[in-house]
Amino acid sequence: MPPIATSIPAALAARAQAQPDDVAYTFIDYDYDPAGTAESLTWSEVHERVQIIAGKLGKLGAPGDRAVILAPQSLDYVVAFLGAIQAGFVAVPLSMPMFRQHDERVSGVMADATPV
């Protein structure tokens, strides 16, 4: 039995190594089709994308900094969240404001979190 991963990034790397072609996440989008449109990522795809996000965040800040995740519900949201964790950032997940208009809740969190 493989050792138990001690962190989310370690668990992701272990899955990408052990099960690279298995589906990791599936998102079903109902915005444009009431029947839903499915999009999936494998463990290796998630791991690769997370590494890219972590690398880009690493150029903008340092471990311990905060990164606000503000995106529509999608696989990109999951990847961004995991990328922030991989970079050692504190991920601050927020939902998109309704109708993409100004939202005082989001503004308040942004001011309090002081993300990089």
N, C-alpha and C. Protein backbone atom coordinates (compact mmCIF):
# COMPACT_ATOMS: atom_id res chain seq x y z
N MET A 1 0.85 -1.18 0.00
CA MET A 1 0.00 0.00 0.00
C MET A 1 0.90 1.24 0.00
N PRO A 2 0.62 2.22 -0.89
CA PRO A 2 1.44 3.43 -0.93
C PRO A 2 1.24 4.25 0.34
N PRO A 3 2.25 5.06 0.69
CA PRO A 3 2.11 5.89 1.88
C PRO A 3 0.99 6.92 1.70
N ILE A 4 0.42 7.34 2.80
CA ILE A 4 -0.64 8.34 2.76
C ILE A 4 -0.02 9.71 2.53
N ALA A 5 -0.57 10.45 1.58
CA ALA A 5 -0.07 11.79 1.27
C ALA A 5 -0.33 12.71 2.46
N THR A 6 0.59 13.62 2.69
CA THR A 6 0.48 14.50 3.84
C THR A 6 -0.06 15.88 3.50
N SER A 7 -0.35 16.13 2.24
CA SER A 7 -0.89 17.42 1.83
C SER A 7 -1.72 17.23 0.57
N ILE A 8 -2.50 18.24 0.26
CA ILE A 8 -3.30 18.18 -0.97
C ILE A 8 -2.40 18.12 -2.19
N PRO A 9 -1.35 18.97 -2.31
CA PRO A 9 -0.46 18.85 -3.46
C PRO A 9 0.20 17.47 -3.57
N ALA A 10 0.58 16.90 -2.43
CA ALA A 10 1.19 15.56 -2.46
C ALA A 10 0.19 14.51 -2.91
N ALA A 11 -1.04 14.62 -2.46
CA ALA A 11 -2.08 13.67 -2.88
C ALA A 11 -2.35 13.80 -4.38
N LEU A 12 -2.39 15.02 -4.88
CA LEU A 12 -2.61 15.24 -6.31
C LEU A 12 -1.47 14.65 -7.13
N ALA A 13 -0.24 14.89 -6.70
CA ALA A 13 0.92 14.34 -7.41
C ALA A 13 0.89 12.82 -7.40
N ALA A 14 0.51 12.24 -6.26
CA ALA A 14 0.45 10.78 -6.15
C ALA A 14 -0.61 10.20 -7.10
N ARG A 15 -1.77 10.85 -7.16
CA ARG A 15 -2.83 10.39 -8.07
C ARG A 15 -2.40 10.53 -9.53
N ALA A 16 -1.75 11.65 -9.86
CA ALA A 16 -1.29 11.87 -11.23
C ALA A 16 -0.27 10.81 -11.63
N GLN A 17 0.53 10.37 -10.68
CA GLN A 17 1.53 9.33 -10.94
C GLN A 17 0.88 7.95 -11.04
N ALA A 18 -0.02 7.64 -10.12
CA ALA A 18 -0.61 6.30 -10.05
C ALA A 18 -1.76 6.09 -11.03
N GLN A 19 -2.53 7.13 -11.30
CA GLN A 19 -3.73 7.00 -12.13
C GLN A 19 -3.81 8.15 -13.14
N PRO A 20 -2.80 8.34 -13.97
CA PRO A 20 -2.75 9.53 -14.82
C PRO A 20 -3.93 9.68 -15.77
N ASP A 21 -4.49 8.60 -16.24
CA ASP A 21 -5.56 8.68 -17.24
C ASP A 21 -6.96 8.51 -16.67
N ASP A 22 -7.07 8.34 -15.36
CA ASP A 22 -8.39 8.22 -14.74
C ASP A 22 -9.00 9.62 -14.59
N VAL A 23 -10.31 9.68 -14.70
CA VAL A 23 -11.00 10.96 -14.56
C VAL A 23 -10.92 11.41 -13.10
N ALA A 24 -10.47 12.64 -12.92
CA ALA A 24 -10.34 13.22 -11.59
C ALA A 24 -11.59 14.02 -11.24
N TYR A 25 -12.00 14.88 -12.16
CA TYR A 25 -13.14 15.77 -11.95
C TYR A 25 -13.97 15.84 -13.21
N THR A 26 -15.28 15.93 -13.00
CA THR A 26 -16.21 16.18 -14.10
C THR A 26 -17.11 17.33 -13.67
N PHE A 27 -17.23 18.31 -14.55
CA PHE A 27 -18.12 19.44 -14.31
C PHE A 27 -19.22 19.38 -15.35
N ILE A 28 -20.46 19.53 -14.90
CA ILE A 28 -21.59 19.54 -15.82
C ILE A 28 -22.16 20.95 -15.84
N ASP A 29 -22.10 21.57 -16.99
CA ASP A 29 -22.55 22.95 -17.18
C ASP A 29 -23.98 22.94 -17.71
N TYR A 30 -24.88 23.55 -16.96
CA TYR A 30 -26.28 23.63 -17.36
C TYR A 30 -26.67 25.01 -17.87
N ASP A 31 -25.68 25.91 -18.01
CA ASP A 31 -25.99 27.28 -18.41
C ASP A 31 -26.59 27.38 -19.81
N TYR A 32 -26.08 26.61 -20.74
CA TYR A 32 -26.51 26.76 -22.14
C TYR A 32 -27.33 25.59 -22.65
N ASP A 33 -27.30 24.49 -21.92
CA ASP A 33 -28.05 23.31 -22.35
C ASP A 33 -28.70 22.70 -21.11
N PRO A 34 -30.03 22.67 -21.06
CA PRO A 34 -30.72 22.12 -19.88
C PRO A 34 -30.34 20.65 -19.59
N ALA A 35 -29.90 19.94 -20.61
CA ALA A 35 -29.48 18.55 -20.41
C ALA A 35 -28.08 18.49 -19.81
N GLY A 36 -27.36 19.58 -19.87
CA GLY A 36 -26.01 19.65 -19.31
C GLY A 36 -24.95 19.24 -20.30
N THR A 37 -23.81 19.89 -20.22
CA THR A 37 -22.65 19.56 -21.04
C THR A 37 -21.52 19.20 -20.08
N ALA A 38 -21.03 17.99 -20.21
CA ALA A 38 -20.00 17.50 -19.29
C ALA A 38 -18.61 17.78 -19.84
N GLU A 39 -17.72 18.17 -18.94
CA GLU A 39 -16.31 18.36 -19.25
C GLU A 39 -15.52 17.68 -18.13
N SER A 40 -14.55 16.88 -18.50
CA SER A 40 -13.77 16.14 -17.50
C SER A 40 -12.28 16.41 -17.67
N LEU A 41 -11.56 16.24 -16.57
CA LEU A 41 -10.10 16.29 -16.57
C LEU A 41 -9.57 15.05 -15.88
N THR A 42 -8.48 14.51 -16.42
CA THR A 42 -7.82 13.38 -15.79
C THR A 42 -6.91 13.89 -14.69
N TRP A 43 -6.41 12.96 -13.88
CA TRP A 43 -5.49 13.34 -12.81
C TRP A 43 -4.24 14.00 -13.38
N SER A 44 -3.72 13.48 -14.49
CA SER A 44 -2.50 14.08 -15.05
C SER A 44 -2.80 15.47 -15.62
N GLU A 45 -3.97 15.67 -16.21
CA GLU A 45 -4.33 16.99 -16.73
C GLU A 45 -4.49 18.00 -15.58
N VAL A 46 -5.14 17.57 -14.51
CA VAL A 46 -5.30 18.46 -13.35
C VAL A 46 -3.93 18.82 -12.80
N HIS A 47 -3.08 17.83 -12.61
CA HIS A 47 -1.76 18.07 -12.04
C HIS A 47 -0.96 19.03 -12.91
N GLU A 48 -0.98 18.83 -14.21
CA GLU A 48 -0.23 19.70 -15.13
C GLU A 48 -0.74 21.14 -15.06
N ARG A 49 -2.04 21.32 -15.08
CA ARG A 49 -2.62 22.67 -15.03
C ARG A 49 -2.36 23.34 -13.68
N VAL A 50 -2.42 22.56 -12.62
CA VAL A 50 -2.15 23.10 -11.28
C VAL A 50 -0.70 23.59 -11.20
N GLN A 51 0.22 22.85 -11.79
CA GLN A 51 1.63 23.26 -11.78
C GLN A 51 1.82 24.58 -12.54
N ILE A 52 1.10 24.74 -13.63
CA ILE A 52 1.19 25.99 -14.41
C ILE A 52 0.68 27.17 -13.58
N ILE A 53 -0.48 27.00 -12.96
CA ILE A 53 -1.05 28.07 -12.13
C ILE A 53 -0.11 28.39 -10.97
N ALA A 54 0.41 27.36 -10.31
CA ALA A 54 1.31 27.58 -9.17
C ALA A 54 2.56 28.33 -9.61
N GLY A 55 3.09 28.00 -10.78
CA GLY A 55 4.26 28.70 -11.28
C GLY A 55 3.99 30.17 -11.54
N LYS A 56 2.84 30.45 -12.12
CA LYS A 56 2.48 31.85 -12.39
C LYS A 56 2.25 32.62 -11.10
N LEU A 57 1.58 32.00 -10.13
CA LEU A 57 1.36 32.66 -8.85
C LEU A 57 2.68 32.90 -8.13
N GLY A 58 3.62 31.96 -8.25
CA GLY A 58 4.91 32.10 -7.60
C GLY A 58 5.68 33.32 -8.07
N LYS A 59 5.37 33.79 -9.27
CA LYS A 59 6.02 34.99 -9.80
C LYS A 59 5.35 36.27 -9.29
N LEU A 60 4.16 36.13 -8.71
CA LEU A 60 3.40 37.29 -8.26
C LEU A 60 3.46 37.51 -6.76
N GLY A 61 3.85 36.48 -6.03
CA GLY A 61 3.86 36.58 -4.58
C GLY A 61 4.69 35.48 -3.98
N ALA A 62 4.48 35.25 -2.70
CA ALA A 62 5.26 34.26 -1.96
C ALA A 62 4.34 33.37 -1.13
N PRO A 63 4.82 32.19 -0.74
CA PRO A 63 4.00 31.34 0.12
C PRO A 63 3.49 32.11 1.34
N GLY A 64 2.23 31.88 1.65
CA GLY A 64 1.59 32.59 2.75
C GLY A 64 0.75 33.76 2.28
N ASP A 65 1.03 34.26 1.06
CA ASP A 65 0.20 35.32 0.50
C ASP A 65 -1.18 34.76 0.18
N ARG A 66 -2.14 35.64 0.01
CA ARG A 66 -3.49 35.22 -0.32
C ARG A 66 -3.78 35.40 -1.81
N ALA A 67 -4.51 34.44 -2.34
CA ALA A 67 -4.95 34.49 -3.73
C ALA A 67 -6.46 34.30 -3.74
N VAL A 68 -7.18 35.30 -4.22
CA VAL A 68 -8.63 35.20 -4.32
C VAL A 68 -8.96 34.41 -5.59
N ILE A 69 -9.82 33.43 -5.44
CA ILE A 69 -10.30 32.64 -6.58
C ILE A 69 -11.69 33.16 -6.88
N LEU A 70 -11.80 33.92 -7.95
CA LEU A 70 -13.07 34.54 -8.33
C LEU A 70 -13.31 34.20 -9.79
N ALA A 71 -14.10 33.17 -10.00
CA ALA A 71 -14.35 32.67 -11.36
C ALA A 71 -15.71 31.99 -11.37
N PRO A 72 -16.29 31.84 -12.54
CA PRO A 72 -17.55 31.08 -12.62
C PRO A 72 -17.29 29.63 -12.22
N GLN A 73 -18.35 28.96 -11.79
CA GLN A 73 -18.22 27.54 -11.48
C GLN A 73 -17.77 26.81 -12.73
N SER A 74 -16.67 26.08 -12.59
CA SER A 74 -16.10 25.34 -13.71
C SER A 74 -14.92 24.53 -13.20
N LEU A 75 -14.33 23.76 -14.10
CA LEU A 75 -13.11 23.05 -13.76
C LEU A 75 -11.96 24.03 -13.53
N ASP A 76 -12.00 25.17 -14.21
CA ASP A 76 -10.96 26.18 -14.01
C ASP A 76 -10.94 26.66 -12.56
N TYR A 77 -12.10 26.73 -11.92
CA TYR A 77 -12.18 27.15 -10.53
C TYR A 77 -11.44 26.15 -9.65
N VAL A 78 -11.66 24.88 -9.88
CA VAL A 78 -10.99 23.82 -9.11
C VAL A 78 -9.48 23.90 -9.32
N VAL A 79 -9.06 24.03 -10.56
CA VAL A 79 -7.63 24.09 -10.88
C VAL A 79 -6.99 25.33 -10.25
N ALA A 80 -7.67 26.46 -10.30
CA ALA A 80 -7.13 27.68 -9.70
C ALA A 80 -6.97 27.52 -8.20
N PHE A 81 -7.96 26.93 -7.56
CA PHE A 81 -7.90 26.71 -6.11
C PHE A 81 -6.72 25.81 -5.76
N LEU A 82 -6.60 24.69 -6.47
CA LEU A 82 -5.49 23.77 -6.22
C LEU A 82 -4.14 24.39 -6.56
N GLY A 83 -4.10 25.22 -7.59
CA GLY A 83 -2.86 25.90 -7.97
C GLY A 83 -2.40 26.86 -6.89
N ALA A 84 -3.34 27.56 -6.27
CA ALA A 84 -2.99 28.47 -5.18
C ALA A 84 -2.41 27.68 -4.01
N ILE A 85 -3.02 26.55 -3.69
CA ILE A 85 -2.50 25.72 -2.60
C ILE A 85 -1.12 25.18 -2.95
N GLN A 86 -0.94 24.73 -4.19
CA GLN A 86 0.35 24.20 -4.64
C GLN A 86 1.44 25.26 -4.50
N ALA A 87 1.11 26.52 -4.76
CA ALA A 87 2.08 27.62 -4.67
C ALA A 87 2.35 28.02 -3.22
N GLY A 88 1.60 27.43 -2.29
CA GLY A 88 1.78 27.77 -0.89
C GLY A 88 0.98 28.99 -0.46
N PHE A 89 0.08 29.41 -1.32
CA PHE A 89 -0.77 30.56 -1.02
C PHE A 89 -1.96 30.12 -0.17
N VAL A 90 -2.60 31.07 0.45
CA VAL A 90 -3.86 30.84 1.12
C VAL A 90 -4.94 31.12 0.08
N ALA A 91 -5.66 30.10 -0.32
CA ALA A 91 -6.71 30.26 -1.32
C ALA A 91 -7.95 30.85 -0.66
N VAL A 92 -8.49 31.91 -1.27
CA VAL A 92 -9.70 32.56 -0.77
C VAL A 92 -10.77 32.39 -1.83
N PRO A 93 -11.58 31.33 -1.73
CA PRO A 93 -12.58 31.07 -2.77
C PRO A 93 -13.81 31.97 -2.61
N LEU A 94 -14.23 32.56 -3.71
CA LEU A 94 -15.43 33.39 -3.75
C LEU A 94 -16.27 32.98 -4.95
N SER A 95 -17.56 33.16 -4.83
CA SER A 95 -18.43 32.90 -5.98
C SER A 95 -18.55 34.20 -6.78
N MET A 96 -18.79 34.03 -8.06
CA MET A 96 -18.96 35.20 -8.94
C MET A 96 -20.20 35.97 -8.52
N PRO A 97 -20.13 37.30 -8.54
CA PRO A 97 -21.32 38.10 -8.25
C PRO A 97 -22.42 37.83 -9.27
N MET A 98 -23.64 37.94 -8.83
CA MET A 98 -24.78 37.76 -9.73
C MET A 98 -24.69 38.78 -10.86
N PHE A 99 -24.90 38.33 -12.06
CA PHE A 99 -24.91 39.17 -13.25
C PHE A 99 -23.59 39.92 -13.44
N ARG A 100 -22.55 39.43 -12.77
CA ARG A 100 -21.19 40.00 -12.87
C ARG A 100 -21.17 41.49 -12.61
N GLN A 101 -21.97 41.91 -11.66
CA GLN A 101 -22.03 43.32 -11.29
C GLN A 101 -21.31 43.52 -9.96
N HIS A 102 -21.12 44.76 -9.59
CA HIS A 102 -20.44 45.08 -8.33
C HIS A 102 -21.15 44.37 -7.17
N ASP A 103 -20.37 43.78 -6.30
CA ASP A 103 -20.89 43.05 -5.16
C ASP A 103 -20.09 43.50 -3.94
N GLU A 104 -20.76 44.13 -2.99
CA GLU A 104 -20.06 44.65 -1.81
C GLU A 104 -19.42 43.53 -0.99
N ARG A 105 -20.00 42.36 -1.02
CA ARG A 105 -19.42 41.22 -0.30
C ARG A 105 -18.05 40.88 -0.88
N VAL A 106 -17.97 40.82 -2.19
CA VAL A 106 -16.69 40.53 -2.86
C VAL A 106 -15.70 41.65 -2.59
N SER A 107 -16.15 42.90 -2.68
CA SER A 107 -15.27 44.04 -2.42
C SER A 107 -14.74 43.99 -0.98
N GLY A 108 -15.60 43.62 -0.05
CA GLY A 108 -15.19 43.53 1.35
C GLY A 108 -14.15 42.45 1.58
N VAL A 109 -14.38 41.28 0.98
CA VAL A 109 -13.41 40.19 1.11
C VAL A 109 -12.09 40.58 0.47
N MET A 110 -12.15 41.20 -0.68
CA MET A 110 -10.92 41.63 -1.37
C MET A 110 -10.14 42.60 -0.48
N ALA A 111 -10.82 43.53 0.16
CA ALA A 111 -10.14 44.50 1.02
C ALA A 111 -9.56 43.81 2.25
N ASP A 112 -10.31 42.88 2.85
CA ASP A 112 -9.84 42.18 4.05
C ASP A 112 -8.71 41.20 3.75
N ALA A 113 -8.82 40.51 2.63
CA ALA A 113 -7.84 39.45 2.31
C ALA A 113 -6.52 40.02 1.79
N THR A 114 -6.57 41.21 1.23
CA THR A 114 -5.41 41.82 0.58
C THR A 114 -4.62 40.81 -0.25
N PRO A 115 -5.27 40.26 -1.27
CA PRO A 115 -4.59 39.26 -2.11
C PRO A 115 -3.52 39.88 -2.98
N VAL A 116 -2.56 39.03 -3.36
CA VAL A 116 -1.53 39.49 -4.28
C VAL A 116 -2.04 39.36 -5.68
